[in-house]
Amino acid sequence: RSGVAGMAFAVTMAYPLNIFPIRFSVETALFYHKPQLDLPGMRTGIAVAAVACSLVVAIALPQINLVFELIGATTGSFVCFLGPGLLFHRLVPGHICARHKLKALLLMVVGLVFLVLGTYSSVLDVIA
């Protein structure tokens, strides 16, 4: 019983820490190009939409292992393959298909393949 109560307390206290970066990222992306939308009502709407989306996902996927599988499939491919390749292309001058950038391009293509295959496998597990 104390383990369940401790887990419930941890999830309750950690939830705002997880929602804040989502809300902040959406606000930054939206208000950077359209600063006239930076109104208290819009900020509240973004927060409510983020919480509503997380509630819908929690109801649709009641098993946490499915959520971890989907997140791991997408972010793992991005962090390990796509991110480093994209950073190399942005930081090193030259054309995208330049000889010195071919390994980074190959890394991004392999990462994209792993991203699609991993996400496809995770979606099949969710459907089944």
Foldseek 3Di string as FASTA:
>chain_A
DVVVVVVVVVCVVCVVVVLVVVLVVVCCVVCVVPVVQPDPVVSVVSSVVSVVVVVVVCVLQVDVVLVVQQCCQQVVLCVPFVVVLVVVPVPDDDDCPDPVSVVSVVSNVVSVVSSVVSNVVSVVVSVD
